[in-house]
Amino acid sequence: NASLDLNHLSRFATKASPSSTLQRKLLHTAIYDSLCWNFRRLLPRRPSPLPTYEAVILDCQKKTLAAAA
């Protein structure tokens, strides 16, 4: 299976060394910052002028970004 088991990777990284925990947190922060930067024009928009399917996708993306924070 090509999918990654993130829980397994997280446990492995935590056992590897204390510095890898900090590196992983910095990586997550960099990814989150990049996502926010890429979607910066869409995040403050109201979904009402968008077609329904795009509004649903945007709402889902906003919730995912909020959960990632």
PDB file of N, CA and C in Angstrom:
ATOM      1  N   ASN A   1       0.843  -1.176   0.000  1.00  0.00           N
ATOM      2  CA  ASN A   1       0.000   0.000   0.000  1.00  0.00           C
ATOM      3  C   ASN A   1       0.887   1.237   0.000  1.00  0.00           C
ATOM      4  N   ALA A   2       0.583   2.176  -0.886  1.00  0.00           N
ATOM      5  CA  ALA A   2       1.425   3.359  -1.050  1.00  0.00           C
ATOM      6  C   ALA A   2       1.152   4.434  -0.003  1.00  0.00           C
ATOM      7  N   SER A   3       0.052   4.322   0.716  1.00  0.00           N
ATOM      8  CA  SER A   3      -0.267   5.360   1.699  1.00  0.00           C
ATOM      9  C   SER A   3       0.660   5.261   2.906  1.00  0.00           C
ATOM     10  N   LEU A   4       0.913   6.403   3.514  1.00  0.00           N
ATOM     11  CA  LEU A   4       1.792   6.459   4.679  1.00  0.00           C
ATOM     12  C   LEU A   4       0.980   6.343   5.957  1.00  0.00           C
ATOM     13  N   ASP A   5       1.500   5.624   6.902  1.00  0.00           N
ATOM     14  CA  ASP A   5       0.888   5.556   8.227  1.00  0.00           C
ATOM     15  C   ASP A   5       1.561   6.636   9.070  1.00  0.00           C
ATOM     16  N   LEU A   6       0.908   7.790   9.165  1.00  0.00           N
ATOM     17  CA  LEU A   6       1.523   8.931   9.844  1.00  0.00           C
ATOM     18  C   LEU A   6       1.723   8.691  11.330  1.00  0.00           C
ATOM     19  N   ASN A   7       0.835   7.940  11.958  1.00  0.00           N
ATOM     20  CA  ASN A   7       1.013   7.637  13.379  1.00  0.00           C
ATOM     21  C   ASN A   7       2.273   6.816  13.594  1.00  0.00           C
ATOM     22  N   HIS A   8       2.506   5.844  12.725  1.00  0.00           N
ATOM     23  CA  HIS A   8       3.708   5.016  12.829  1.00  0.00           C
ATOM     24  C   HIS A   8       4.952   5.882  12.637  1.00  0.00           C
ATOM     25  N   LEU A   9       4.926   6.760  11.626  1.00  0.00           N
ATOM     26  CA  LEU A   9       6.069   7.628  11.386  1.00  0.00           C
ATOM     27  C   LEU A   9       6.305   8.570  12.557  1.00  0.00           C
ATOM     28  N   SER A  10       5.237   9.079  13.136  1.00  0.00           N
ATOM     29  CA  SER A  10       5.364   9.985  14.270  1.00  0.00           C
ATOM     30  C   SER A  10       5.993   9.281  15.466  1.00  0.00           C
ATOM     31  N   ARG A  11       5.544   8.050  15.755  1.00  0.00           N
ATOM     32  CA  ARG A  11       6.123   7.292  16.876  1.00  0.00           C
ATOM     33  C   ARG A  11       7.591   6.987  16.610  1.00  0.00           C
ATOM     34  N   PHE A  12       7.916   6.632  15.370  1.00  0.00           N
ATOM     35  CA  PHE A  12       9.292   6.331  15.013  1.00  0.00           C
ATOM     36  C   PHE A  12      10.168   7.566  15.175  1.00  0.00           C
ATOM     37  N   ALA A  13       9.686   8.716  14.711  1.00  0.00           N
ATOM     38  CA  ALA A  13      10.465   9.948  14.790  1.00  0.00           C
ATOM     39  C   ALA A  13      10.672  10.373  16.235  1.00  0.00           C
ATOM     40  N   THR A  14       9.671  10.158  17.086  1.00  0.00           N
ATOM     41  CA  THR A  14       9.790  10.530  18.490  1.00  0.00           C
ATOM     42  C   THR A  14      10.843   9.681  19.187  1.00  0.00           C
ATOM     43  N   LYS A  15      10.916   8.393  18.840  1.00  0.00           N
ATOM     44  CA  LYS A  15      11.900   7.507  19.465  1.00  0.00           C
ATOM     45  C   LYS A  15      13.303   7.754  18.922  1.00  0.00           C
ATOM     46  N   ALA A  16      13.413   8.311  17.729  1.00  0.00           N
ATOM     47  CA  ALA A  16      14.713   8.468  17.082  1.00  0.00           C
ATOM     48  C   ALA A  16      15.634   9.387  17.879  1.00  0.00           C
ATOM     49  N   SER A  17      15.191  10.581  18.179  1.00  0.00           N
ATOM     50  CA  SER A  17      15.998  11.499  18.972  1.00  0.00           C
ATOM     51  C   SER A  17      15.144  12.691  19.383  1.00  0.00           C
ATOM     52  N   PRO A  18      15.514  13.349  20.482  1.00  0.00           N
ATOM     53  CA  PRO A  18      14.742  14.515  20.921  1.00  0.00           C
ATOM     54  C   PRO A  18      14.755  15.651  19.894  1.00  0.00           C
ATOM     55  N   SER A  19      15.868  15.811  19.175  1.00  0.00           N
ATOM     56  CA  SER A  19      15.931  16.904  18.200  1.00  0.00           C
ATOM     57  C   SER A  19      14.998  16.659  17.017  1.00  0.00           C
ATOM     58  N   SER A  20      14.704  15.390  16.715  1.00  0.00           N
ATOM     59  CA  SER A  20      13.802  15.114  15.596  1.00  0.00           C
ATOM     60  C   SER A  20      12.378  15.572  15.908  1.00  0.00           C
ATOM     61  N   THR A  21      12.002  15.584  17.188  1.00  0.00           N
ATOM     62  CA  THR A  21      10.682  16.083  17.569  1.00  0.00           C
ATOM     63  C   THR A  21      10.575  17.565  17.236  1.00  0.00           C
ATOM     64  N   LEU A  22      11.588  18.327  17.577  1.00  0.00           N
ATOM     65  CA  LEU A  22      11.601  19.754  17.262  1.00  0.00           C
ATOM     66  C   LEU A  22      11.627  19.971  15.753  1.00  0.00           C
ATOM     67  N   GLN A  23      12.414  19.179  15.040  1.00  0.00           N
ATOM     68  CA  GLN A  23      12.475  19.304  13.584  1.00  0.00           C
ATOM     69  C   GLN A  23      11.118  19.011  12.955  1.00  0.00           C
ATOM     70  N   ARG A  24      10.425  18.009  13.479  1.00  0.00           N
ATOM     71  CA  ARG A  24       9.105  17.659  12.954  1.00  0.00           C
ATOM     72  C   ARG A  24       8.120  18.801  13.198  1.00  0.00           C
ATOM     73  N   LYS A  25       8.175  19.417  14.391  1.00  0.00           N
ATOM     74  CA  LYS A  25       7.294  20.551  14.684  1.00  0.00           C
ATOM     75  C   LYS A  25       7.603  21.732  13.769  1.00  0.00           C
ATOM     76  N   LEU A  26       8.880  21.987  13.522  1.00  0.00           N
ATOM     77  CA  LEU A  26       9.256  23.065  12.614  1.00  0.00           C
ATOM     78  C   LEU A  26       8.786  22.780  11.192  1.00  0.00           C
ATOM     79  N   LEU A  27       8.869  21.520  10.777  1.00  0.00           N
ATOM     80  CA  LEU A  27       8.387  21.134   9.452  1.00  0.00           C
ATOM     81  C   LEU A  27       6.883  21.340   9.345  1.00  0.00           C
ATOM     82  N   HIS A  28       6.131  20.907  10.358  1.00  0.00           N
ATOM     83  CA  HIS A  28       4.676  21.092  10.357  1.00  0.00           C
ATOM     84  C   HIS A  28       4.325  22.576  10.300  1.00  0.00           C
ATOM     85  N   THR A  29       5.054  23.404  11.042  1.00  0.00           N
ATOM     86  CA  THR A  29       4.810  24.843  11.032  1.00  0.00           C
ATOM     87  C   THR A  29       5.099  25.431   9.654  1.00  0.00           C
ATOM     88  N   ALA A  30       6.180  24.995   9.031  1.00  0.00           N
ATOM     89  CA  ALA A  30       6.524  25.493   7.696  1.00  0.00           C
ATOM     90  C   ALA A  30       5.474  25.086   6.663  1.00  0.00           C
ATOM     91  N   ILE A  31       4.980  23.855   6.759  1.00  0.00           N
ATOM     92  CA  ILE A  31       3.941  23.388   5.833  1.00  0.00           C
ATOM     93  C   ILE A  31       2.665  24.187   6.044  1.00  0.00           C
ATOM     94  N   TYR A  32       2.275  24.384   7.295  1.00  0.00           N
ATOM     95  CA  TYR A  32       1.065  25.155   7.600  1.00  0.00           C
ATOM     96  C   TYR A  32       1.196  26.589   7.084  1.00  0.00           C
ATOM     97  N   ASP A  33       2.351  27.206   7.313  1.00  0.00           N
ATOM     98  CA  ASP A  33       2.589  28.568   6.844  1.00  0.00           C
ATOM     99  C   ASP A  33       2.500  28.637   5.322  1.00  0.00           C
ATOM    100  N   SER A  34       3.049  27.643   4.652  1.00  0.00           N
ATOM    101  CA  SER A  34       2.989  27.592   3.194  1.00  0.00           C
ATOM    102  C   SER A  34       1.553  27.457   2.698  1.00  0.00           C
ATOM    103  N   LEU A  35       0.769  26.600   3.344  1.00  0.00           N
ATOM    104  CA  LEU A  35      -0.636  26.437   2.954  1.00  0.00           C
ATOM    105  C   LEU A  35      -1.416  27.734   3.148  1.00  0.00           C
ATOM    106  N   CYS A  36      -1.194  28.384   4.275  1.00  0.00           N
ATOM    107  CA  CYS A  36      -1.884  29.656   4.526  1.00  0.00           C
ATOM    108  C   CYS A  36      -1.488  30.702   3.489  1.00  0.00           C
ATOM    109  N   TRP A  37      -0.212  30.731   3.132  1.00  0.00           N
ATOM    110  CA  TRP A  37       0.247  31.695   2.140  1.00  0.00           C
ATOM    111  C   TRP A  37      -0.373  31.396   0.772  1.00  0.00           C
ATOM    112  N   ASN A  38      -0.432  30.121   0.396  1.00  0.00           N
ATOM    113  CA  ASN A  38      -0.984  29.747  -0.908  1.00  0.00           C
ATOM    114  C   ASN A  38      -2.483  30.020  -1.010  1.00  0.00           C
ATOM    115  N   PHE A  39      -3.200  29.908   0.107  1.00  0.00           N
ATOM    116  CA  PHE A  39      -4.650  30.104   0.096  1.00  0.00           C
ATOM    117  C   PHE A  39      -5.054  31.446   0.708  1.00  0.00           C
ATOM    118  N   ARG A  40      -4.129  32.390   0.818  1.00  0.00           N
ATOM    119  CA  ARG A  40      -4.383  33.651   1.523  1.00  0.00           C
ATOM    120  C   ARG A  40      -5.542  34.448   0.935  1.00  0.00           C
ATOM    121  N   ARG A  41      -5.768  34.376  -0.362  1.00  0.00           N
ATOM    122  CA  ARG A  41      -6.863  35.137  -0.968  1.00  0.00           C
ATOM    123  C   ARG A  41      -8.210  34.472  -0.750  1.00  0.00           C
ATOM    124  N   LEU A  42      -8.218  33.172  -0.551  1.00  0.00           N
ATOM    125  CA  LEU A  42      -9.482  32.461  -0.376  1.00  0.00           C
ATOM    126  C   LEU A  42      -9.945  32.428   1.072  1.00  0.00           C
ATOM    127  N   LEU A  43      -9.012  32.425   2.020  1.00  0.00           N
ATOM    128  CA  LEU A  43      -9.384  32.228   3.420  1.00  0.00           C
ATOM    129  C   LEU A  43     -10.336  33.288   3.965  1.00  0.00           C
ATOM    130  N   PRO A  44     -10.141  34.586   3.703  1.00  0.00           N
ATOM    131  CA  PRO A  44     -11.089  35.557   4.268  1.00  0.00           C
ATOM    132  C   PRO A  44     -12.388  35.699   3.471  1.00  0.00           C
ATOM    133  N   ARG A  45     -12.477  35.060   2.309  1.00  0.00           N
ATOM    134  CA  ARG A  45     -13.670  35.199   1.465  1.00  0.00           C
ATOM    135  C   ARG A  45     -14.878  34.512   2.059  1.00  0.00           C
ATOM    136  N   ARG A  46     -16.006  35.092   1.774  1.00  0.00           N
ATOM    137  CA  ARG A  46     -17.281  34.459   2.106  1.00  0.00           C
ATOM    138  C   ARG A  46     -17.602  33.474   0.987  1.00  0.00           C
ATOM    139  N   PRO A  47     -18.022  32.275   1.335  1.00  0.00           N
ATOM    140  CA  PRO A  47     -18.290  31.289   0.284  1.00  0.00           C
ATOM    141  C   PRO A  47     -19.579  31.533  -0.497  1.00  0.00           C
ATOM    142  N   SER A  48     -20.421  32.494  -0.099  1.00  0.00           N
ATOM    143  CA  SER A  48     -21.720  32.687  -0.757  1.00  0.00           C
ATOM    144  C   SER A  48     -21.628  33.012  -2.251  1.00  0.00           C
ATOM    145  N   PRO A  49     -20.669  33.848  -2.742  1.00  0.00           N
ATOM    146  CA  PRO A  49     -20.660  34.110  -4.177  1.00  0.00           C
ATOM    147  C   PRO A  49     -20.115  32.947  -5.011  1.00  0.00           C
ATOM    148  N   LEU A  50     -19.574  31.958  -4.366  1.00  0.00           N
ATOM    149  CA  LEU A  50     -19.026  30.805  -5.074  1.00  0.00           C
ATOM    150  C   LEU A  50     -20.128  29.804  -5.395  1.00  0.00           C
ATOM    151  N   PRO A  51     -19.924  29.003  -6.441  1.00  0.00           N
ATOM    152  CA  PRO A  51     -20.856  27.895  -6.679  1.00  0.00           C
ATOM    153  C   PRO A  51     -20.861  26.956  -5.470  1.00  0.00           C
ATOM    154  N   THR A  52     -21.932  26.233  -5.296  1.00  0.00           N
ATOM    155  CA  THR A  52     -22.111  25.397  -4.106  1.00  0.00           C
ATOM    156  C   THR A  52     -20.962  24.419  -3.906  1.00  0.00           C
ATOM    157  N   TYR A  53     -20.559  23.731  -4.972  1.00  0.00           N
ATOM    158  CA  TYR A  53     -19.499  22.728  -4.812  1.00  0.00           C
ATOM    159  C   TYR A  53     -18.176  23.375  -4.406  1.00  0.00           C
ATOM    160  N   GLU A  54     -17.880  24.582  -4.925  1.00  0.00           N
ATOM    161  CA  GLU A  54     -16.651  25.270  -4.532  1.00  0.00           C
ATOM    162  C   GLU A  54     -16.734  25.771  -3.091  1.00  0.00           C
ATOM    163  N   ALA A  55     -17.913  26.205  -2.672  1.00  0.00           N
ATOM    164  CA  ALA A  55     -18.097  26.656  -1.291  1.00  0.00           C
ATOM    165  C   ALA A  55     -17.875  25.506  -0.315  1.00  0.00           C
ATOM    166  N   VAL A  56     -18.350  24.311  -0.671  1.00  0.00           N
ATOM    167  CA  VAL A  56     -18.158  23.132   0.179  1.00  0.00           C
ATOM    168  C   VAL A  56     -16.677  22.781   0.264  1.00  0.00           C
ATOM    169  N   ILE A  57     -15.988  22.810  -0.865  1.00  0.00           N
ATOM    170  CA  ILE A  57     -14.549  22.505  -0.880  1.00  0.00           C
ATOM    171  C   ILE A  57     -13.784  23.529  -0.045  1.00  0.00           C
ATOM    172  N   LEU A  58     -14.102  24.814  -0.215  1.00  0.00           N
ATOM    173  CA  LEU A  58     -13.425  25.870   0.540  1.00  0.00           C
ATOM    174  C   LEU A  58     -13.677  25.728   2.036  1.00  0.00           C
ATOM    175  N   ASP A  59     -14.910  25.416   2.413  1.00  0.00           N
ATOM    176  CA  ASP A  59     -15.242  25.227   3.822  1.00  0.00           C
ATOM    177  C   ASP A  59     -14.454  24.060   4.411  1.00  0.00           C
ATOM    178  N   CYS A  60     -14.363  22.978   3.665  1.00  0.00           N
ATOM    179  CA  CYS A  60     -13.599  21.806   4.120  1.00  0.00           C
ATOM    180  C   CYS A  60     -12.121  22.165   4.286  1.00  0.00           C
ATOM    181  N   GLN A  61     -11.569  22.921   3.331  1.00  0.00           N
ATOM    182  CA  GLN A  61     -10.165  23.319   3.412  1.00  0.00           C
ATOM    183  C   GLN A  61      -9.914  24.232   4.609  1.00  0.00           C
ATOM    184  N   LYS A  62     -10.842  25.135   4.881  1.00  0.00           N
ATOM    185  CA  LYS A  62     -10.690  26.019   6.042  1.00  0.00           C
ATOM    186  C   LYS A  62     -10.694  25.222   7.341  1.00  0.00           C
ATOM    187  N   LYS A  63     -11.592  24.239   7.438  1.00  0.00           N
ATOM    188  CA  LYS A  63     -11.645  23.415   8.652  1.00  0.00           C
ATOM    189  C   LYS A  63     -10.367  22.602   8.805  1.00  0.00           C
ATOM    190  N   THR A  64      -9.837  22.095   7.694  1.00  0.00           N
ATOM    191  CA  THR A  64      -8.598  21.322   7.745  1.00  0.00           C
ATOM    192  C   THR A  64      -7.437  22.201   8.184  1.00  0.00           C
ATOM    193  N   LEU A  65      -7.361  23.418   7.661  1.00  0.00           N
ATOM    194  CA  LEU A  65      -6.302  24.340   8.081  1.00  0.00           C
ATOM    195  C   LEU A  65      -6.428  24.705   9.553  1.00  0.00           C
ATOM    196  N   ALA A  66      -7.652  24.916  10.007  1.00  0.00           N
ATOM    197  CA  ALA A  66      -7.866  25.236  11.423  1.00  0.00           C
ATOM    198  C   ALA A  66      -7.452  24.070  12.307  1.00  0.00           C
ATOM    199  N   ALA A  67      -7.758  22.853  11.880  1.00  0.00           N
ATOM    200  CA  ALA A  67      -7.362  21.671  12.656  1.00  0.00           C
ATOM    201  C   ALA A  67      -5.850  21.504  12.654  1.00  0.00           C
ATOM    202  N   ALA A  68      -5.207  21.864  11.555  1.00  0.00           N
ATOM    203  CA  ALA A  68      -3.750  21.743  11.467  1.00  0.00           C
ATOM    204  C   ALA A  68      -3.050  22.751  12.364  1.00  0.00           C
ATOM    205  N   ALA A  69      -3.724  23.862  12.630  1.00  0.00           N
ATOM    206  CA  ALA A  69      -3.122  24.888  13.485  1.00  0.00           C
ATOM    207  C   ALA A  69      -3.037  24.348  14.886  1.00  0.00           C
TER     208      ALA A  69
END
